Amino acid sequence: MTSIEDTKKEMRKYEETRNAFYDHFDNTIKKLENGQFDFSQAQNLDAQEIYELFFKLDYQARKIRGLLIEARDIKVG
C-alpha cells in the first residue's frame, strides 16, 4: 500500500501541475471584467503547448485517483 507521505508528495505534484496549467492561461489570455478568461480574444494559443500541459495535469490526476482507490480499497468496477 502507498504511504501517506507518498500520497502527499503526489498531491503536491498535482497542485504544481495545475498551477502551471492555469499560469499559462493567466499569461496568455486576457480576462473579462468578471475574471473569466476571454477565449474570444485568444487567437494565438499554441494547441500543442496547451495539450502538453493538460496531459501532465490529467496524468497526475489519474495517478492520484489510483492511489486513493488503493488507500481506501474502493471497488470501482
PDB file of N, CA and C in Angstrom:
ATOM      1  N   MET A   1       0.842  -1.179   0.000  1.00  0.00           N
ATOM      2  CA  MET A   1       0.000   0.000   0.000  1.00  0.00           C
ATOM      3  C   MET A   1       0.893   1.250   0.000  1.00  0.00           C
ATOM      4  N   THR A   2       0.437   2.278  -0.658  1.00  0.00           N
ATOM      5  CA  THR A   2       1.176   3.531  -0.757  1.00  0.00           C
ATOM      6  C   THR A   2       1.130   4.274   0.573  1.00  0.00           C
ATOM      7  N   SER A   3       2.276   4.798   0.977  1.00  0.00           N
ATOM      8  CA  SER A   3       2.322   5.524   2.252  1.00  0.00           C
ATOM      9  C   SER A   3       1.642   6.879   2.119  1.00  0.00           C
ATOM     10  N   ILE A   4       1.248   7.428   3.252  1.00  0.00           N
ATOM     11  CA  ILE A   4       0.611   8.746   3.260  1.00  0.00           C
ATOM     12  C   ILE A   4       1.579   9.812   2.749  1.00  0.00           C
ATOM     13  N   GLU A   5       2.862   9.653   3.040  1.00  0.00           N
ATOM     14  CA  GLU A   5       3.855  10.625   2.568  1.00  0.00           C
ATOM     15  C   GLU A   5       3.968  10.603   1.048  1.00  0.00           C
ATOM     16  N   ASP A   6       3.941   9.413   0.465  1.00  0.00           N
ATOM     17  CA  ASP A   6       3.984   9.306  -0.998  1.00  0.00           C
ATOM     18  C   ASP A   6       2.741   9.925  -1.616  1.00  0.00           C
ATOM     19  N   THR A   7       1.602   9.716  -0.975  1.00  0.00           N
ATOM     20  CA  THR A   7       0.355  10.305  -1.472  1.00  0.00           C
ATOM     21  C   THR A   7       0.408  11.826  -1.382  1.00  0.00           C
ATOM     22  N   LYS A   8       0.908  12.348  -0.281  1.00  0.00           N
ATOM     23  CA  LYS A   8       1.046  13.804  -0.133  1.00  0.00           C
ATOM     24  C   LYS A   8       1.985  14.368  -1.196  1.00  0.00           C
ATOM     25  N   LYS A   9       3.053  13.649  -1.468  1.00  0.00           N
ATOM     26  CA  LYS A   9       4.007  14.077  -2.492  1.00  0.00           C
ATOM     27  C   LYS A   9       3.321  14.179  -3.855  1.00  0.00           C
ATOM     28  N   GLU A  10       2.511  13.196  -4.179  1.00  0.00           N
ATOM     29  CA  GLU A  10       1.803  13.206  -5.461  1.00  0.00           C
ATOM     30  C   GLU A  10       0.739  14.303  -5.492  1.00  0.00           C
ATOM     31  N   MET A  11       0.113  14.579  -4.360  1.00  0.00           N
ATOM     32  CA  MET A  11      -0.850  15.683  -4.302  1.00  0.00           C
ATOM     33  C   MET A  11      -0.153  17.016  -4.535  1.00  0.00           C
ATOM     34  N   ARG A  12       1.034  17.187  -3.969  1.00  0.00           N
ATOM     35  CA  ARG A  12       1.796  18.424  -4.202  1.00  0.00           C
ATOM     36  C   ARG A  12       2.175  18.550  -5.672  1.00  0.00           C
ATOM     37  N   LYS A  13       2.562  17.439  -6.296  1.00  0.00           N
ATOM     38  CA  LYS A  13       2.864  17.458  -7.725  1.00  0.00           C
ATOM     39  C   LYS A  13       1.647  17.871  -8.534  1.00  0.00           C
ATOM     40  N   TYR A  14       0.481  17.352  -8.134  1.00  0.00           N
ATOM     41  CA  TYR A  14      -0.760  17.705  -8.814  1.00  0.00           C
ATOM     42  C   TYR A  14      -1.001  19.214  -8.718  1.00  0.00           C
ATOM     43  N   GLU A  15      -0.849  19.762  -7.522  1.00  0.00           N
ATOM     44  CA  GLU A  15      -1.072  21.202  -7.338  1.00  0.00           C
ATOM     45  C   GLU A  15      -0.093  22.025  -8.184  1.00  0.00           C
ATOM     46  N   GLU A  16       1.166  21.615  -8.225  1.00  0.00           N
ATOM     47  CA  GLU A  16       2.158  22.316  -9.034  1.00  0.00           C
ATOM     48  C   GLU A  16       1.787  22.256 -10.516  1.00  0.00           C
ATOM     49  N   THR A  17       1.354  21.095 -10.967  1.00  0.00           N
ATOM     50  CA  THR A  17       0.978  20.908 -12.365  1.00  0.00           C
ATOM     51  C   THR A  17      -0.260  21.726 -12.699  1.00  0.00           C
ATOM     52  N   ARG A  18      -1.237  21.718 -11.803  1.00  0.00           N
ATOM     53  CA  ARG A  18      -2.455  22.503 -12.007  1.00  0.00           C
ATOM     54  C   ARG A  18      -2.119  23.990 -12.066  1.00  0.00           C
ATOM     55  N   ASN A  19      -1.259  24.449 -11.157  1.00  0.00           N
ATOM     56  CA  ASN A  19      -0.861  25.851 -11.151  1.00  0.00           C
ATOM     57  C   ASN A  19      -0.149  26.233 -12.447  1.00  0.00           C
ATOM     58  N   ALA A  20       0.705  25.365 -12.961  1.00  0.00           N
ATOM     59  CA  ALA A  20       1.407  25.640 -14.221  1.00  0.00           C
ATOM     60  C   ALA A  20       0.419  25.753 -15.374  1.00  0.00           C
ATOM     61  N   PHE A  21      -0.602  24.900 -15.377  1.00  0.00           N
ATOM     62  CA  PHE A  21      -1.627  24.932 -16.414  1.00  0.00           C
ATOM     63  C   PHE A  21      -2.349  26.283 -16.407  1.00  0.00           C
ATOM     64  N   TYR A  22      -2.804  26.702 -15.234  1.00  0.00           N
ATOM     65  CA  TYR A  22      -3.530  27.962 -15.147  1.00  0.00           C
ATOM     66  C   TYR A  22      -2.613  29.175 -15.267  1.00  0.00           C
ATOM     67  N   ASP A  23      -1.377  29.072 -14.848  1.00  0.00           N
ATOM     68  CA  ASP A  23      -0.418  30.164 -15.054  1.00  0.00           C
ATOM     69  C   ASP A  23      -0.249  30.448 -16.539  1.00  0.00           C
ATOM     70  N   HIS A  24      -0.221  29.379 -17.336  1.00  0.00           N
ATOM     71  CA  HIS A  24      -0.107  29.557 -18.784  1.00  0.00           C
ATOM     72  C   HIS A  24      -1.293  30.365 -19.304  1.00  0.00           C
ATOM     73  N   PHE A  25      -2.485  30.016 -18.876  1.00  0.00           N
ATOM     74  CA  PHE A  25      -3.671  30.776 -19.283  1.00  0.00           C
ATOM     75  C   PHE A  25      -3.574  32.223 -18.793  1.00  0.00           C
ATOM     76  N   ASP A  26      -3.199  32.396 -17.531  1.00  0.00           N
ATOM     77  CA  ASP A  26      -3.084  33.753 -16.979  1.00  0.00           C
ATOM     78  C   ASP A  26      -2.104  34.614 -17.776  1.00  0.00           C
ATOM     79  N   ASN A  27      -1.063  34.002 -18.286  1.00  0.00           N
ATOM     80  CA  ASN A  27      -0.025  34.741 -19.012  1.00  0.00           C
ATOM     81  C   ASN A  27      -0.338  34.933 -20.490  1.00  0.00           C
ATOM     82  N   THR A  28      -1.310  34.218 -21.025  1.00  0.00           N
ATOM     83  CA  THR A  28      -1.558  34.299 -22.468  1.00  0.00           C
ATOM     84  C   THR A  28      -2.973  34.718 -22.845  1.00  0.00           C
ATOM     85  N   ILE A  29      -3.903  34.716 -21.901  1.00  0.00           N
ATOM     86  CA  ILE A  29      -5.297  35.024 -22.218  1.00  0.00           C
ATOM     87  C   ILE A  29      -5.790  36.158 -21.316  1.00  0.00           C
ATOM     88  N   LYS A  30      -6.293  37.191 -21.938  1.00  0.00           N
ATOM     89  CA  LYS A  30      -6.874  38.289 -21.162  1.00  0.00           C
ATOM     90  C   LYS A  30      -8.149  37.812 -20.486  1.00  0.00           C
ATOM     91  N   LYS A  31      -8.504  38.522 -19.424  1.00  0.00           N
ATOM     92  CA  LYS A  31      -9.719  38.160 -18.689  1.00  0.00           C
ATOM     93  C   LYS A  31     -10.789  39.224 -18.876  1.00  0.00           C
ATOM     94  N   LEU A  32     -12.014  38.775 -18.762  1.00  0.00           N
ATOM     95  CA  LEU A  32     -13.159  39.672 -18.771  1.00  0.00           C
ATOM     96  C   LEU A  32     -13.258  40.373 -17.415  1.00  0.00           C
ATOM     97  N   GLU A  33     -14.128  41.342 -17.322  1.00  0.00           N
ATOM     98  CA  GLU A  33     -14.291  42.068 -16.051  1.00  0.00           C
ATOM     99  C   GLU A  33     -14.697  41.151 -14.905  1.00  0.00           C
ATOM    100  N   ASN A  34     -15.409  40.072 -15.221  1.00  0.00           N
ATOM    101  CA  ASN A  34     -15.859  39.158 -14.171  1.00  0.00           C
ATOM    102  C   ASN A  34     -14.790  38.128 -13.785  1.00  0.00           C
ATOM    103  N   GLY A  35     -13.603  38.228 -14.396  1.00  0.00           N
ATOM    104  CA  GLY A  35     -12.493  37.341 -14.047  1.00  0.00           C
ATOM    105  C   GLY A  35     -12.377  36.096 -14.899  1.00  0.00           C
ATOM    106  N   GLN A  36     -13.352  35.854 -15.761  1.00  0.00           N
ATOM    107  CA  GLN A  36     -13.290  34.681 -16.633  1.00  0.00           C
ATOM    108  C   GLN A  36     -12.338  34.956 -17.797  1.00  0.00           C
ATOM    109  N   PHE A  37     -11.721  33.894 -18.300  1.00  0.00           N
ATOM    110  CA  PHE A  37     -10.842  34.039 -19.448  1.00  0.00           C
ATOM    111  C   PHE A  37     -11.653  34.421 -20.673  1.00  0.00           C
ATOM    112  N   ASP A  38     -11.119  35.360 -21.461  1.00  0.00           N
ATOM    113  CA  ASP A  38     -11.785  35.801 -22.681  1.00  0.00           C
ATOM    114  C   ASP A  38     -11.193  35.032 -23.861  1.00  0.00           C
ATOM    115  N   PHE A  39     -11.697  33.825 -24.073  1.00  0.00           N
ATOM    116  CA  PHE A  39     -11.168  32.969 -25.131  1.00  0.00           C
ATOM    117  C   PHE A  39     -11.425  33.537 -26.521  1.00  0.00           C
ATOM    118  N   SER A  40     -12.407  34.411 -26.651  1.00  0.00           N
ATOM    119  CA  SER A  40     -12.676  35.001 -27.972  1.00  0.00           C
ATOM    120  C   SER A  40     -11.520  35.896 -28.426  1.00  0.00           C
ATOM    121  N   GLN A  41     -10.724  36.369 -27.487  1.00  0.00           N
ATOM    122  CA  GLN A  41      -9.578  37.233 -27.819  1.00  0.00           C
ATOM    123  C   GLN A  41      -8.253  36.454 -27.867  1.00  0.00           C
ATOM    124  N   ALA A  42      -8.300  35.170 -27.609  1.00  0.00           N
ATOM    125  CA  ALA A  42      -7.091  34.343 -27.545  1.00  0.00           C
ATOM    126  C   ALA A  42      -6.864  33.663 -28.893  1.00  0.00           C
ATOM    127  N   GLN A  43      -6.374  34.411 -29.839  1.00  0.00           N
ATOM    128  CA  GLN A  43      -6.204  33.904 -31.197  1.00  0.00           C
ATOM    129  C   GLN A  43      -4.913  33.116 -31.405  1.00  0.00           C
ATOM    130  N   ASN A  44      -3.906  33.368 -30.593  1.00  0.00           N
ATOM    131  CA  ASN A  44      -2.586  32.784 -30.837  1.00  0.00           C
ATOM    132  C   ASN A  44      -2.200  31.719 -29.815  1.00  0.00           C
ATOM    133  N   LEU A  45      -3.155  30.928 -29.381  1.00  0.00           N
ATOM    134  CA  LEU A  45      -2.837  29.861 -28.431  1.00  0.00           C
ATOM    135  C   LEU A  45      -2.133  28.722 -29.158  1.00  0.00           C
ATOM    136  N   ASP A  46      -1.113  28.185 -28.534  1.00  0.00           N
ATOM    137  CA  ASP A  46      -0.379  27.053 -29.087  1.00  0.00           C
ATOM    138  C   ASP A  46      -1.056  25.771 -28.598  1.00  0.00           C
ATOM    139  N   ALA A  47      -1.805  25.144 -29.482  1.00  0.00           N
ATOM    140  CA  ALA A  47      -2.579  23.957 -29.106  1.00  0.00           C
ATOM    141  C   ALA A  47      -1.693  22.846 -28.554  1.00  0.00           C
ATOM    142  N   GLN A  48      -0.524  22.645 -29.136  1.00  0.00           N
ATOM    143  CA  GLN A  48       0.363  21.582 -28.651  1.00  0.00           C
ATOM    144  C   GLN A  48       0.843  21.883 -27.238  1.00  0.00           C
ATOM    145  N   GLU A  49       1.169  23.133 -26.968  1.00  0.00           N
ATOM    146  CA  GLU A  49       1.633  23.505 -25.631  1.00  0.00           C
ATOM    147  C   GLU A  49       0.514  23.305 -24.601  1.00  0.00           C
ATOM    148  N   ILE A  50      -0.694  23.696 -24.948  1.00  0.00           N
ATOM    149  CA  ILE A  50      -1.823  23.509 -24.036  1.00  0.00           C
ATOM    150  C   ILE A  50      -2.094  22.022 -23.826  1.00  0.00           C
ATOM    151  N   TYR A  51      -2.014  21.237 -24.889  1.00  0.00           N
ATOM    152  CA  TYR A  51      -2.224  19.790 -24.761  1.00  0.00           C
ATOM    153  C   TYR A  51      -1.181  19.185 -23.818  1.00  0.00           C
ATOM    154  N   GLU A  52       0.080  19.584 -23.972  1.00  0.00           N
ATOM    155  CA  GLU A  52       1.139  19.032 -23.124  1.00  0.00           C
ATOM    156  C   GLU A  52       0.900  19.377 -21.662  1.00  0.00           C
ATOM    157  N   LEU A  53       0.478  20.607 -21.394  1.00  0.00           N
ATOM    158  CA  LEU A  53       0.180  21.000 -20.017  1.00  0.00           C
ATOM    159  C   LEU A  53      -1.019  20.216 -19.483  1.00  0.00           C
ATOM    160  N   PHE A  54      -2.059  20.081 -20.311  1.00  0.00           N
ATOM    161  CA  PHE A  54      -3.241  19.338 -19.883  1.00  0.00           C
ATOM    162  C   PHE A  54      -2.901  17.867 -19.661  1.00  0.00           C
ATOM    163  N   PHE A  55      -2.098  17.270 -20.540  1.00  0.00           N
ATOM    164  CA  PHE A  55      -1.737  15.865 -20.398  1.00  0.00           C
ATOM    165  C   PHE A  55      -1.033  15.629 -19.073  1.00  0.00           C
ATOM    166  N   LYS A  56      -0.121  16.522 -18.693  1.00  0.00           N
ATOM    167  CA  LYS A  56       0.576  16.392 -17.405  1.00  0.00           C
ATOM    168  C   LYS A  56      -0.414  16.477 -16.248  1.00  0.00           C
ATOM    169  N   LEU A  57      -1.356  17.408 -16.348  1.00  0.00           N
ATOM    170  CA  LEU A  57      -2.366  17.568 -15.303  1.00  0.00           C
ATOM    171  C   LEU A  57      -3.246  16.327 -15.211  1.00  0.00           C
ATOM    172  N   ASP A  58      -3.712  15.845 -16.354  1.00  0.00           N
ATOM    173  CA  ASP A  58      -4.566  14.664 -16.385  1.00  0.00           C
ATOM    174  C   ASP A  58      -3.821  13.430 -15.876  1.00  0.00           C
ATOM    175  N   TYR A  59      -2.569  13.271 -16.265  1.00  0.00           N
ATOM    176  CA  TYR A  59      -1.762  12.134 -15.811  1.00  0.00           C
ATOM    177  C   TYR A  59      -1.657  12.139 -14.289  1.00  0.00           C
ATOM    178  N   GLN A  60      -1.362  13.304 -13.740  1.00  0.00           N
ATOM    179  CA  GLN A  60      -1.195  13.400 -12.295  1.00  0.00           C
ATOM    180  C   GLN A  60      -2.511  13.124 -11.582  1.00  0.00           C
ATOM    181  N   ALA A  61      -3.618  13.605 -12.136  1.00  0.00           N
ATOM    182  CA  ALA A  61      -4.937  13.346 -11.535  1.00  0.00           C
ATOM    183  C   ALA A  61      -5.247  11.854 -11.546  1.00  0.00           C
ATOM    184  N   ARG A  62      -4.944  11.176 -12.663  1.00  0.00           N
ATOM    185  CA  ARG A  62      -5.201   9.733 -12.739  1.00  0.00           C
ATOM    186  C   ARG A  62      -4.312   8.973 -11.767  1.00  0.00           C
ATOM    187  N   LYS A  63      -3.091   9.439 -11.579  1.00  0.00           N
ATOM    188  CA  LYS A  63      -2.165   8.798 -10.643  1.00  0.00           C
ATOM    189  C   LYS A  63      -2.712   8.909  -9.216  1.00  0.00           C
ATOM    190  N   ILE A  64      -3.175  10.076  -8.852  1.00  0.00           N
ATOM    191  CA  ILE A  64      -3.731  10.287  -7.520  1.00  0.00           C
ATOM    192  C   ILE A  64      -5.001   9.461  -7.343  1.00  0.00           C
ATOM    193  N   ARG A  65      -5.827   9.412  -8.374  1.00  0.00           N
ATOM    194  CA  ARG A  65      -7.049   8.606  -8.315  1.00  0.00           C
ATOM    195  C   ARG A  65      -6.698   7.160  -7.947  1.00  0.00           C
ATOM    196  N   GLY A  66      -5.683   6.615  -8.593  1.00  0.00           N
ATOM    197  CA  GLY A  66      -5.266   5.248  -8.300  1.00  0.00           C
ATOM    198  C   GLY A  66      -4.785   5.086  -6.874  1.00  0.00           C
ATOM    199  N   LEU A  67      -4.034   6.063  -6.390  1.00  0.00           N
ATOM    200  CA  LEU A  67      -3.540   6.000  -5.009  1.00  0.00           C
ATOM    201  C   LEU A  67      -4.696   6.028  -4.013  1.00  0.00           C
ATOM    202  N   LEU A  68      -5.682   6.879  -4.275  1.00  0.00           N
ATOM    203  CA  LEU A  68      -6.812   6.984  -3.363  1.00  0.00           C
ATOM    204  C   LEU A  68      -7.678   5.728  -3.390  1.00  0.00           C
ATOM    205  N   ILE A  69      -7.870   5.165  -4.561  1.00  0.00           N
ATOM    206  CA  ILE A  69      -8.618   3.918  -4.664  1.00  0.00           C
ATOM    207  C   ILE A  69      -7.912   2.820  -3.886  1.00  0.00           C
ATOM    208  N   GLU A  70      -6.597   2.767  -4.037  1.00  0.00           N
ATOM    209  CA  GLU A  70      -5.813   1.764  -3.301  1.00  0.00           C
ATOM    210  C   GLU A  70      -5.871   1.998  -1.799  1.00  0.00           C
ATOM    211  N   ALA A  71      -5.718   3.255  -1.388  1.00  0.00           N
ATOM    212  CA  ALA A  71      -5.685   3.583   0.047  1.00  0.00           C
ATOM    213  C   ALA A  71      -7.003   3.277   0.731  1.00  0.00           C
ATOM    214  N   ARG A  72      -8.106   3.454   0.020  1.00  0.00           N
ATOM    215  CA  ARG A  72      -9.424   3.238   0.615  1.00  0.00           C
ATOM    216  C   ARG A  72     -10.038   1.908   0.203  1.00  0.00           C
ATOM    217  N   ASP A  73      -9.290   1.122  -0.567  1.00  0.00           N
ATOM    218  CA  ASP A  73      -9.775  -0.177  -1.031  1.00  0.00           C
ATOM    219  C   ASP A  73     -11.157  -0.034  -1.679  1.00  0.00           C
ATOM    220  N   ILE A  74     -11.256   0.947  -2.567  1.00  0.00           N
ATOM    221  CA  ILE A  74     -12.517   1.253  -3.240  1.00  0.00           C
ATOM    222  C   ILE A  74     -12.678   0.334  -4.447  1.00  0.00           C
ATOM    223  N   LYS A  75     -13.849  -0.204  -4.598  1.00  0.00           N
ATOM    224  CA  LYS A  75     -14.156  -1.047  -5.760  1.00  0.00           C
ATOM    225  C   LYS A  75     -14.849  -0.160  -6.794  1.00  0.00           C
ATOM    226  N   VAL A  76     -14.254  -0.043  -7.988  1.00  0.00           N
ATOM    227  CA  VAL A  76     -14.814   0.859  -8.997  1.00  0.00           C
ATOM    228  C   VAL A  76     -15.435   0.125 -10.182  1.00  0.00           C
ATOM    229  N   GLY A  77     -15.420  -1.184 -10.184  1.00  0.00           N
ATOM    230  CA  GLY A  77     -15.995  -1.863 -11.326  1.00  0.00           C
ATOM    231  C   GLY A  77     -16.740  -3.101 -10.970  1.00  0.00           C
TER     232      GLY A  77
END
